[in-house]
Amino acid sequence: AVSGGVDSMVLLDILASQLGAKIIVAHFNHG
């Protein structure tokens, strides 16, 4: 789950380079 805030953007950066982890990014716009 990636909102665009600093927490989830950092998490995405770390996980994107992690070996063995296949990542699907999911973003929800609540309106």
Full PDB file with SEQRES, HELIX, SHEET, SSBOND, CRYST1, ORIGX, SCALE, CONECT and MASTER records, all heavy atoms in Angstrom:
SEQRES   1 A   31  ALA VAL SER GLY GLY VAL ASP SER MET VAL LEU LEU ASP          
SEQRES   2 A   31  ILE LEU ALA SER GLN LEU GLY ALA LYS ILE ILE VAL ALA          
SEQRES   3 A   31  HIS PHE ASN HIS GLY                                          
HELIX    1 AA1 VAL A    6  ALA A   16  1                                  11    
CRYST1    1.000    1.000    1.000  90.00  90.00  90.00 P 1           1          
ORIGX1      1.000000  0.000000  0.000000        0.00000                         
ORIGX2      0.000000  1.000000  0.000000        0.00000                         
ORIGX3      0.000000  0.000000  1.000000        0.00000                         
SCALE1      1.000000  0.000000  0.000000        0.00000                         
SCALE2      0.000000  1.000000  0.000000        0.00000                         
SCALE3      0.000000  0.000000  1.000000        0.00000                         
ATOM      1  N   ALA A   1       0.849  -1.193   0.000  1.00  0.00           N  
ATOM      2  CA  ALA A   1       0.000   0.000   0.000  1.00  0.00           C  
ATOM      3  C   ALA A   1       0.885   1.243   0.000  1.00  0.00           C  
ATOM      4  O   ALA A   1       1.659   1.454   0.923  1.00  0.00           O  
ATOM      5  CB  ALA A   1      -0.907  -0.016   1.228  1.00  0.00           C  
ATOM      6  N   VAL A   2       0.760   2.064  -1.037  1.00  0.00           N  
ATOM      7  CA  VAL A   2       1.613   3.248  -1.183  1.00  0.00           C  
ATOM      8  C   VAL A   2       0.724   4.477  -1.366  1.00  0.00           C  
ATOM      9  O   VAL A   2       0.027   4.601  -2.372  1.00  0.00           O  
ATOM     10  CB  VAL A   2       2.579   3.101  -2.372  1.00  0.00           C  
ATOM     11  CG1 VAL A   2       3.503   4.313  -2.451  1.00  0.00           C  
ATOM     12  CG2 VAL A   2       3.396   1.821  -2.260  1.00  0.00           C  
ATOM     13  N   SER A   3       0.766   5.372  -0.402  1.00  0.00           N  
ATOM     14  CA  SER A   3      -0.093   6.558  -0.434  1.00  0.00           C  
ATOM     15  C   SER A   3       0.542   7.724  -1.185  1.00  0.00           C  
ATOM     16  O   SER A   3      -0.162   8.605  -1.676  1.00  0.00           O  
ATOM     17  CB  SER A   3      -0.406   7.006   0.993  1.00  0.00           C  
ATOM     18  OG  SER A   3       0.775   7.480   1.629  1.00  0.00           O  
ATOM     19  N   GLY A   4       1.887   7.744  -1.212  1.00  0.00           N  
ATOM     20  CA  GLY A   4       2.603   8.894  -1.758  1.00  0.00           C  
ATOM     21  C   GLY A   4       3.277   9.703  -0.675  1.00  0.00           C  
ATOM     22  O   GLY A   4       4.078  10.592  -0.960  1.00  0.00           O  
ATOM     23  N   GLY A   5       2.954   9.412   0.600  1.00  0.00           N  
ATOM     24  CA  GLY A   5       3.615  10.065   1.717  1.00  0.00           C  
ATOM     25  C   GLY A   5       5.000   9.498   1.950  1.00  0.00           C  
ATOM     26  O   GLY A   5       5.376   8.475   1.375  1.00  0.00           O  
ATOM     27  N   VAL A   6       5.753  10.130   2.831  1.00  0.00           N  
ATOM     28  CA  VAL A   6       7.150   9.747   3.011  1.00  0.00           C  
ATOM     29  C   VAL A   6       7.288   8.313   3.521  1.00  0.00           C  
ATOM     30  O   VAL A   6       8.197   7.580   3.109  1.00  0.00           O  
ATOM     31  CB  VAL A   6       7.870  10.745   3.957  1.00  0.00           C  
ATOM     32  CG1 VAL A   6       7.267  10.734   5.355  1.00  0.00           C  
ATOM     33  CG2 VAL A   6       9.360  10.454   4.004  1.00  0.00           C  
ATOM     34  N   ASP A   7       6.401   7.863   4.400  1.00  0.00           N  
ATOM     35  CA  ASP A   7       6.525   6.526   4.988  1.00  0.00           C  
ATOM     36  C   ASP A   7       6.436   5.444   3.918  1.00  0.00           C  
ATOM     37  O   ASP A   7       7.299   4.560   3.815  1.00  0.00           O  
ATOM     38  CB  ASP A   7       5.433   6.290   6.038  1.00  0.00           C  
ATOM     39  CG  ASP A   7       5.376   7.385   7.086  1.00  0.00           C  
ATOM     40  OD1 ASP A   7       6.436   7.971   7.372  1.00  0.00           O  
ATOM     41  OD2 ASP A   7       4.287   7.649   7.615  1.00  0.00           O  
ATOM     42  N   SER A   8       5.386   5.510   3.121  1.00  0.00           N  
ATOM     43  CA  SER A   8       5.185   4.450   2.132  1.00  0.00           C  
ATOM     44  C   SER A   8       6.139   4.571   0.951  1.00  0.00           C  
ATOM     45  O   SER A   8       6.496   3.563   0.330  1.00  0.00           O  
ATOM     46  CB  SER A   8       3.727   4.437   1.642  1.00  0.00           C  
ATOM     47  OG  SER A   8       3.373   5.656   1.044  1.00  0.00           O  
ATOM     48  N   MET A   9       6.595   5.787   0.636  1.00  0.00           N  
ATOM     49  CA  MET A   9       7.559   5.932  -0.450  1.00  0.00           C  
ATOM     50  C   MET A   9       8.919   5.373  -0.047  1.00  0.00           C  
ATOM     51  O   MET A   9       9.632   4.789  -0.874  1.00  0.00           O  
ATOM     52  CB  MET A   9       7.678   7.404  -0.856  1.00  0.00           C  
ATOM     53  CG  MET A   9       6.401   7.985  -1.464  1.00  0.00           C  
ATOM     54  SD  MET A   9       5.821   7.126  -2.959  1.00  0.00           S  
ATOM     55  CE  MET A   9       7.006   7.745  -4.154  1.00  0.00           C  
ATOM     56  N   VAL A  10       9.286   5.524   1.209  1.00  0.00           N  
ATOM     57  CA  VAL A  10      10.521   4.911   1.710  1.00  0.00           C  
ATOM     58  C   VAL A  10      10.381   3.393   1.711  1.00  0.00           C  
ATOM     59  O   VAL A  10      11.295   2.665   1.286  1.00  0.00           O  
ATOM     60  CB  VAL A  10      10.859   5.436   3.125  1.00  0.00           C  
ATOM     61  CG1 VAL A  10      11.892   4.545   3.811  1.00  0.00           C  
ATOM     62  CG2 VAL A  10      11.371   6.865   3.043  1.00  0.00           C  
ATOM     63  N   LEU A  11       9.259   2.902   2.191  1.00  0.00           N  
ATOM     64  CA  LEU A  11       9.032   1.457   2.205  1.00  0.00           C  
ATOM     65  C   LEU A  11       9.113   0.885   0.791  1.00  0.00           C  
ATOM     66  O   LEU A  11       9.751  -0.155   0.566  1.00  0.00           O  
ATOM     67  CB  LEU A  11       7.661   1.150   2.805  1.00  0.00           C  
ATOM     68  CG  LEU A  11       7.260  -0.324   2.842  1.00  0.00           C  
ATOM     69  CD1 LEU A  11       8.195  -1.130   3.730  1.00  0.00           C  
ATOM     70  CD2 LEU A  11       5.812  -0.473   3.317  1.00  0.00           C  
ATOM     71  N   LEU A  12       8.504   1.562  -0.166  1.00  0.00           N  
ATOM     72  CA  LEU A  12       8.538   1.093  -1.551  1.00  0.00           C  
ATOM     73  C   LEU A  12       9.969   1.047  -2.072  1.00  0.00           C  
ATOM     74  O   LEU A  12      10.365   0.085  -2.741  1.00  0.00           O  
ATOM     75  CB  LEU A  12       7.690   2.016  -2.427  1.00  0.00           C  
ATOM     76  CG  LEU A  12       7.676   1.709  -3.925  1.00  0.00           C  
ATOM     77  CD1 LEU A  12       7.166   0.300  -4.195  1.00  0.00           C  
ATOM     78  CD2 LEU A  12       6.830   2.738  -4.673  1.00  0.00           C  
ATOM     79  N   ASP A  13      10.745   2.067  -1.773  1.00  0.00           N  
ATOM     80  CA  ASP A  13      12.137   2.116  -2.232  1.00  0.00           C  
ATOM     81  C   ASP A  13      12.933   0.933  -1.684  1.00  0.00           C  
ATOM     82  O   ASP A  13      13.720   0.317  -2.412  1.00  0.00           O  
ATOM     83  CB  ASP A  13      12.782   3.424  -1.787  1.00  0.00           C  
ATOM     84  CG  ASP A  13      14.188   3.598  -2.332  1.00  0.00           C  
ATOM     85  OD1 ASP A  13      14.329   3.958  -3.519  1.00  0.00           O  
ATOM     86  OD2 ASP A  13      15.150   3.352  -1.569  1.00  0.00           O  
ATOM     87  N   ILE A  14      12.724   0.606  -0.424  1.00  0.00           N  
ATOM     88  CA  ILE A  14      13.445  -0.508   0.199  1.00  0.00           C  
ATOM     89  C   ILE A  14      13.002  -1.841  -0.382  1.00  0.00           C  
ATOM     90  O   ILE A  14      13.830  -2.688  -0.751  1.00  0.00           O  
ATOM     91  CB  ILE A  14      13.235  -0.494   1.726  1.00  0.00           C  
ATOM     92  CG1 ILE A  14      13.865   0.762   2.341  1.00  0.00           C  
ATOM     93  CG2 ILE A  14      13.839  -1.747   2.366  1.00  0.00           C  
ATOM     94  CD1 ILE A  14      13.503   0.976   3.793  1.00  0.00           C  
ATOM     95  N   LEU A  15      11.699  -2.034  -0.499  1.00  0.00           N  
ATOM     96  CA  LEU A  15      11.179  -3.317  -0.962  1.00  0.00           C  
ATOM     97  C   LEU A  15      11.467  -3.565  -2.442  1.00  0.00           C  
ATOM     98  O   LEU A  15      11.627  -4.708  -2.869  1.00  0.00           O  
ATOM     99  CB  LEU A  15       9.674  -3.396  -0.709  1.00  0.00           C  
ATOM    100  CG  LEU A  15       9.236  -3.439   0.754  1.00  0.00           C  
ATOM    101  CD1 LEU A  15       7.713  -3.465   0.839  1.00  0.00           C  
ATOM    102  CD2 LEU A  15       9.826  -4.641   1.464  1.00  0.00           C  
ATOM    103  N   ALA A  16      11.534  -2.479  -3.219  1.00  0.00           N  
ATOM    104  CA  ALA A  16      11.762  -2.628  -4.661  1.00  0.00           C  
ATOM    105  C   ALA A  16      13.121  -3.248  -4.954  1.00  0.00           C  
ATOM    106  O   ALA A  16      13.315  -3.869  -6.010  1.00  0.00           O  
ATOM    107  CB  ALA A  16      11.655  -1.273  -5.352  1.00  0.00           C  
ATOM    108  N   SER A  17      14.056  -3.105  -4.026  1.00  0.00           N  
ATOM    109  CA  SER A  17      15.398  -3.650  -4.239  1.00  0.00           C  
ATOM    110  C   SER A  17      15.643  -4.935  -3.451  1.00  0.00           C  
ATOM    111  O   SER A  17      16.754  -5.459  -3.455  1.00  0.00           O  
ATOM    112  CB  SER A  17      16.455  -2.607  -3.833  1.00  0.00           C  
ATOM    113  OG  SER A  17      16.310  -2.269  -2.466  1.00  0.00           O  
ATOM    114  N   GLN A  18      14.615  -5.431  -2.790  1.00  0.00           N  
ATOM    115  CA  GLN A  18      14.782  -6.623  -1.962  1.00  0.00           C  
ATOM    116  C   GLN A  18      14.673  -7.887  -2.810  1.00  0.00           C  
ATOM    117  O   GLN A  18      13.675  -8.101  -3.495  1.00  0.00           O  
ATOM    118  CB  GLN A  18      13.737  -6.666  -0.849  1.00  0.00           C  
ATOM    119  CG  GLN A  18      13.929  -7.845   0.102  1.00  0.00           C  
ATOM    120  CD  GLN A  18      13.260  -7.592   1.439  1.00  0.00           C  
ATOM    121  OE1 GLN A  18      13.104  -6.461   1.861  1.00  0.00           O  
ATOM    122  NE2 GLN A  18      12.867  -8.658   2.107  1.00  0.00           N  
ATOM    123  N   LEU A  19      15.699  -8.704  -2.762  1.00  0.00           N  
ATOM    124  CA  LEU A  19      15.721  -9.932  -3.546  1.00  0.00           C  
ATOM    125  C   LEU A  19      14.645 -10.893  -3.054  1.00  0.00           C  
ATOM    126  O   LEU A  19      14.426 -11.044  -1.860  1.00  0.00           O  
ATOM    127  CB  LEU A  19      17.092 -10.596  -3.444  1.00  0.00           C  
ATOM    128  CG  LEU A  19      18.268  -9.815  -4.039  1.00  0.00           C  
ATOM    129  CD1 LEU A  19      19.575 -10.556  -3.770  1.00  0.00           C  
ATOM    130  CD2 LEU A  19      18.070  -9.604  -5.534  1.00  0.00           C  
ATOM    131  N   GLY A  20      13.985 -11.529  -3.998  1.00  0.00           N  
ATOM    132  CA  GLY A  20      13.005 -12.550  -3.646  1.00  0.00           C  
ATOM    133  C   GLY A  20      11.613 -12.024  -3.368  1.00  0.00           C  
ATOM    134  O   GLY A  20      10.684 -12.799  -3.163  1.00  0.00           O  
ATOM    135  N   ALA A  21      11.436 -10.693  -3.356  1.00  0.00           N  
ATOM    136  CA  ALA A  21      10.124 -10.106  -3.113  1.00  0.00           C  
ATOM    137  C   ALA A  21       9.533  -9.590  -4.422  1.00  0.00           C  
ATOM    138  O   ALA A  21      10.131  -8.761  -5.096  1.00  0.00           O  
ATOM    139  CB  ALA A  21      10.228  -8.974  -2.105  1.00  0.00           C  
ATOM    140  N   LYS A  22       8.376 -10.122  -4.791  1.00  0.00           N  
ATOM    141  CA  LYS A  22       7.653  -9.639  -5.962  1.00  0.00           C  
ATOM    142  C   LYS A  22       6.590  -8.663  -5.480  1.00  0.00           C  
ATOM    143  O   LYS A  22       5.714  -9.026  -4.692  1.00  0.00           O  
ATOM    144  CB  LYS A  22       7.027 -10.814  -6.705  1.00  0.00           C  
ATOM    145  CG  LYS A  22       8.053 -11.793  -7.268  1.00  0.00           C  
ATOM    146  CD  LYS A  22       7.370 -12.927  -8.002  1.00  0.00           C  
ATOM    147  CE  LYS A  22       8.395 -13.902  -8.576  1.00  0.00           C  
ATOM    148  NZ  LYS A  22       7.761 -15.046  -9.290  1.00  0.00           N  
ATOM    149  N   ILE A  23       6.671  -7.431  -5.959  1.00  0.00           N  
ATOM    150  CA  ILE A  23       5.871  -6.342  -5.407  1.00  0.00           C  
ATOM    151  C   ILE A  23       4.808  -5.877  -6.406  1.00  0.00           C  
ATOM    152  O   ILE A  23       5.101  -5.635  -7.571  1.00  0.00           O  
ATOM    153  CB  ILE A  23       6.771  -5.148  -5.044  1.00  0.00           C  
ATOM    154  CG1 ILE A  23       7.851  -5.564  -4.041  1.00  0.00           C  
ATOM    155  CG2 ILE A  23       5.940  -4.002  -4.491  1.00  0.00           C  
ATOM    156  CD1 ILE A  23       7.328  -6.146  -2.762  1.00  0.00           C  
ATOM    157  N   ILE A  24       3.582  -5.753  -5.907  1.00  0.00           N  
ATOM    158  CA  ILE A  24       2.509  -5.076  -6.641  1.00  0.00           C  
ATOM    159  C   ILE A  24       2.169  -3.823  -5.859  1.00  0.00           C  
ATOM    160  O   ILE A  24       1.794  -3.887  -4.681  1.00  0.00           O  
ATOM    161  CB  ILE A  24       1.247  -5.954  -6.787  1.00  0.00           C  
ATOM    162  CG1 ILE A  24       1.561  -7.233  -7.539  1.00  0.00           C  
ATOM    163  CG2 ILE A  24       0.145  -5.168  -7.497  1.00  0.00           C  
ATOM    164  CD1 ILE A  24       1.818  -8.426  -6.656  1.00  0.00           C  
ATOM    165  N   VAL A  25       2.323  -2.671  -6.460  1.00  0.00           N  
ATOM    166  CA  VAL A  25       2.015  -1.407  -5.797  1.00  0.00           C  
ATOM    167  C   VAL A  25       0.513  -1.159  -5.869  1.00  0.00           C  
ATOM    168  O   VAL A  25      -0.107  -1.334  -6.924  1.00  0.00           O  
ATOM    169  CB  VAL A  25       2.775  -0.249  -6.465  1.00  0.00           C  
ATOM    170  CG1 VAL A  25       2.395   1.086  -5.809  1.00  0.00           C  
ATOM    171  CG2 VAL A  25       4.281  -0.481  -6.387  1.00  0.00           C  
ATOM    172  N   ALA A  26      -0.074  -0.762  -4.757  1.00  0.00           N  
ATOM    173  CA  ALA A  26      -1.507  -0.465  -4.708  1.00  0.00           C  
ATOM    174  C   ALA A  26      -1.709   0.926  -4.115  1.00  0.00           C  
ATOM    175  O   ALA A  26      -1.267   1.201  -2.997  1.00  0.00           O  
ATOM    176  CB  ALA A  26      -2.242  -1.509  -3.877  1.00  0.00           C  
ATOM    177  N   HIS A  27      -2.351   1.800  -4.872  1.00  0.00           N  
ATOM    178  CA  HIS A  27      -2.611   3.164  -4.409  1.00  0.00           C  
ATOM    179  C   HIS A  27      -4.105   3.422  -4.443  1.00  0.00           C  
ATOM    180  O   HIS A  27      -4.774   3.123  -5.446  1.00  0.00           O  
ATOM    181  CB  HIS A  27      -1.900   4.184  -5.298  1.00  0.00           C  
ATOM    182  CG  HIS A  27      -2.239   5.606  -4.954  1.00  0.00           C  
ATOM    183  ND1 HIS A  27      -1.663   6.279  -3.893  1.00  0.00           N  
ATOM    184  CD2 HIS A  27      -3.131   6.473  -5.519  1.00  0.00           C  
ATOM    185  CE1 HIS A  27      -2.163   7.503  -3.833  1.00  0.00           C  
ATOM    186  NE2 HIS A  27      -3.061   7.639  -4.803  1.00  0.00           N  
ATOM    187  N   PHE A  28      -4.634   3.995  -3.351  1.00  0.00           N  
ATOM    188  CA  PHE A  28      -6.074   4.283  -3.299  1.00  0.00           C  
ATOM    189  C   PHE A  28      -6.299   5.777  -3.122  1.00  0.00           C  
ATOM    190  O   PHE A  28      -5.799   6.391  -2.176  1.00  0.00           O  
ATOM    191  CB  PHE A  28      -6.724   3.526  -2.145  1.00  0.00           C  
ATOM    192  CG  PHE A  28      -8.232   3.524  -2.227  1.00  0.00           C  
ATOM    193  CD1 PHE A  28      -8.882   2.675  -3.108  1.00  0.00           C  
ATOM    194  CD2 PHE A  28      -8.981   4.380  -1.438  1.00  0.00           C  
ATOM    195  CE1 PHE A  28     -10.264   2.684  -3.207  1.00  0.00           C  
ATOM    196  CE2 PHE A  28     -10.362   4.394  -1.534  1.00  0.00           C  
ATOM    197  CZ  PHE A  28     -11.012   3.540  -2.420  1.00  0.00           C  
ATOM    198  N   ASN A  29      -7.055   6.357  -4.049  1.00  0.00           N  
ATOM    199  CA  ASN A  29      -7.440   7.758  -3.987  1.00  0.00           C  
ATOM    200  C   ASN A  29      -8.843   7.827  -3.371  1.00  0.00           C  
ATOM    201  O   ASN A  29      -9.817   7.435  -4.005  1.00  0.00           O  
ATOM    202  CB  ASN A  29      -7.432   8.359  -5.399  1.00  0.00           C  
ATOM    203  CG  ASN A  29      -7.721   9.845  -5.396  1.00  0.00           C  
ATOM    204  OD1 ASN A  29      -8.348  10.372  -4.487  1.00  0.00           O  
ATOM    205  ND2 ASN A  29      -7.289  10.528  -6.454  1.00  0.00           N  
ATOM    206  N   HIS A  30      -8.934   8.317  -2.137  1.00  0.00           N  
ATOM    207  CA  HIS A  30     -10.204   8.310  -1.410  1.00  0.00           C  
ATOM    208  C   HIS A  30     -11.193   9.363  -1.904  1.00  0.00           C  
ATOM    209  O   HIS A  30     -12.381   9.298  -1.559  1.00  0.00           O  
ATOM    210  CB  HIS A  30      -9.957   8.547   0.084  1.00  0.00           C  
ATOM    211  CG  HIS A  30      -9.075   7.529   0.726  1.00  0.00           C  
ATOM    212  ND1 HIS A  30      -7.701   7.633   0.730  1.00  0.00           N  
ATOM    213  CD2 HIS A  30      -9.372   6.377   1.391  1.00  0.00           C  
ATOM    214  CE1 HIS A  30      -7.191   6.601   1.369  1.00  0.00           C  
ATOM    215  NE2 HIS A  30      -8.169   5.828   1.779  1.00  0.00           N  
ATOM    216  N   GLY A  31     -10.712  10.336  -2.661  1.00  0.00           N  
ATOM    217  CA  GLY A  31     -11.602  11.414  -3.078  1.00  0.00           C  
ATOM    218  C   GLY A  31     -11.966  12.327  -1.919  1.00  0.00           C  
ATOM    219  O   GLY A  31     -13.067  12.863  -1.856  1.00  0.00           O  
TER     220      GLY A  31                                                      
MASTER        0    0    0    1    0    0    0    6  219    1    0    3          
END                                                                             
